Amino acid sequence: MSSSLSPEAIETLRRLDQVGVGQAALACAPRIAAELLATGLAAEASGGELEITHRGEQYLSSGFE
């Protein structure tokens, strides 16, 4: 993936990846949420919180760094 994310967005994406099924989704700063939503790496869950998408999982496993 060629998306360049801020360090804060990458850390948030990593935290999203650690949220298990059935656990509460993650809330984050609006700027970070907008960055992750715009790239398709996260989706909005109920209550406006974020959850990682399949594309987000691929981004993390691609060795983006």
C-alpha atoms as a PDB file:
ATOM      1  CA  MET A   1       0.000   0.000   0.000  1.00  0.00           C
ATOM      2  CA  SER A   2       1.267   3.410  -0.783  1.00  0.00           C
ATOM      3  CA  SER A   3      -0.739   5.345   1.814  1.00  0.00           C
ATOM      4  CA  SER A   4       1.493   7.481   3.985  1.00  0.00           C
ATOM      5  CA  LEU A   5       0.060   7.815   7.467  1.00  0.00           C
ATOM      6  CA  SER A   6       1.032   9.995  10.374  1.00  0.00           C
ATOM      7  CA  PRO A   7       2.750   8.199  13.260  1.00  0.00           C
ATOM      8  CA  GLU A   8      -0.365   8.771  15.378  1.00  0.00           C
ATOM      9  CA  ALA A   9      -2.584   7.124  12.766  1.00  0.00           C
ATOM     10  CA  ILE A  10      -0.260   4.125  12.531  1.00  0.00           C
ATOM     11  CA  GLU A  11      -0.303   3.702  16.305  1.00  0.00           C
ATOM     12  CA  THR A  12      -4.095   3.976  16.352  1.00  0.00           C
ATOM     13  CA  LEU A  13      -4.333   1.407  13.563  1.00  0.00           C
ATOM     14  CA  ARG A  14      -2.129  -0.943  15.583  1.00  0.00           C
ATOM     15  CA  ARG A  15      -4.394  -0.480  18.598  1.00  0.00           C
ATOM     16  CA  LEU A  16      -7.463  -1.105  16.443  1.00  0.00           C
ATOM     17  CA  ASP A  17      -5.898  -4.347  15.272  1.00  0.00           C
ATOM     18  CA  GLN A  18      -5.625  -5.496  18.884  1.00  0.00           C
ATOM     19  CA  VAL A  19      -9.319  -4.984  19.644  1.00  0.00           C
ATOM     20  CA  GLY A  20     -10.978  -8.373  19.762  1.00  0.00           C
ATOM     21  CA  VAL A  21     -14.366  -9.371  18.424  1.00  0.00           C
ATOM     22  CA  GLY A  22     -17.057  -8.424  20.894  1.00  0.00           C
ATOM     23  CA  GLN A  23     -14.918  -5.779  22.588  1.00  0.00           C
ATOM     24  CA  ALA A  24     -15.752  -2.107  22.453  1.00  0.00           C
ATOM     25  CA  ALA A  25     -14.463  -0.341  19.363  1.00  0.00           C
ATOM     26  CA  LEU A  26     -11.825   2.353  19.729  1.00  0.00           C
ATOM     27  CA  ALA A  27     -12.521   6.058  19.937  1.00  0.00           C
ATOM     28  CA  CYS A  28      -9.780   8.442  18.795  1.00  0.00           C
ATOM     29  CA  ALA A  29      -9.114  12.060  17.890  1.00  0.00           C
ATOM     30  CA  PRO A  30     -11.230  13.349  14.987  1.00  0.00           C
ATOM     31  CA  ARG A  31      -8.131  14.161  12.892  1.00  0.00           C
ATOM     32  CA  ILE A  32      -6.813  10.607  13.229  1.00  0.00           C
ATOM     33  CA  ALA A  33     -10.237   9.112  12.563  1.00  0.00           C
ATOM     34  CA  ALA A  34     -10.573  11.198   9.404  1.00  0.00           C
ATOM     35  CA  GLU A  35      -7.134  10.083   8.213  1.00  0.00           C
ATOM     36  CA  LEU A  36      -7.903   6.389   8.730  1.00  0.00           C
ATOM     37  CA  LEU A  37     -11.405   6.635   7.246  1.00  0.00           C
ATOM     38  CA  ALA A  38     -10.152   8.524   4.178  1.00  0.00           C
ATOM     39  CA  THR A  39      -7.604   5.818   3.428  1.00  0.00           C
ATOM     40  CA  GLY A  40     -10.110   3.003   3.972  1.00  0.00           C
ATOM     41  CA  LEU A  41      -7.947   1.459   6.682  1.00  0.00           C
ATOM     42  CA  ALA A  42     -10.706   1.837   9.280  1.00  0.00           C
ATOM     43  CA  ALA A  43     -14.474   2.009   9.236  1.00  0.00           C
ATOM     44  CA  GLU A  44     -16.924   3.713  11.525  1.00  0.00           C
ATOM     45  CA  ALA A  45     -18.594   1.379  13.994  1.00  0.00           C
ATOM     46  CA  SER A  46     -21.740   2.047  15.969  1.00  0.00           C
ATOM     47  CA  GLY A  47     -21.395   5.055  18.211  1.00  0.00           C
ATOM     48  CA  GLY A  48     -18.869   6.743  15.920  1.00  0.00           C
ATOM     49  CA  GLU A  49     -15.967   4.589  17.099  1.00  0.00           C
ATOM     50  CA  LEU A  50     -13.508   2.990  14.685  1.00  0.00           C
ATOM     51  CA  GLU A  51     -12.782  -0.581  13.727  1.00  0.00           C
ATOM     52  CA  ILE A  52     -10.000  -1.840  11.495  1.00  0.00           C
ATOM     53  CA  THR A  53     -10.872  -2.983   7.974  1.00  0.00           C
ATOM     54  CA  HIS A  54      -9.351  -5.862   6.037  1.00  0.00           C
ATOM     55  CA  ARG A  55      -7.374  -3.252   4.114  1.00  0.00           C
ATOM     56  CA  GLY A  56      -6.069  -1.898   7.432  1.00  0.00           C
ATOM     57  CA  GLU A  57      -4.927  -5.365   8.454  1.00  0.00           C
ATOM     58  CA  GLN A  58      -3.157  -5.746   5.121  1.00  0.00           C
ATOM     59  CA  TYR A  59      -1.487  -2.362   5.599  1.00  0.00           C
ATOM     60  CA  LEU A  60      -0.073  -3.435   8.949  1.00  0.00           C
ATOM     61  CA  SER A  61       1.139  -6.789   7.659  1.00  0.00           C
ATOM     62  CA  SER A  62       2.756  -5.266   4.567  1.00  0.00           C
ATOM     63  CA  GLY A  63       5.776  -3.945   6.450  1.00  0.00           C
ATOM     64  CA  PHE A  64       4.918  -0.319   5.638  1.00  0.00           C
ATOM     65  CA  GLU A  65       7.803   1.054   7.708  1.00  0.00           C
END
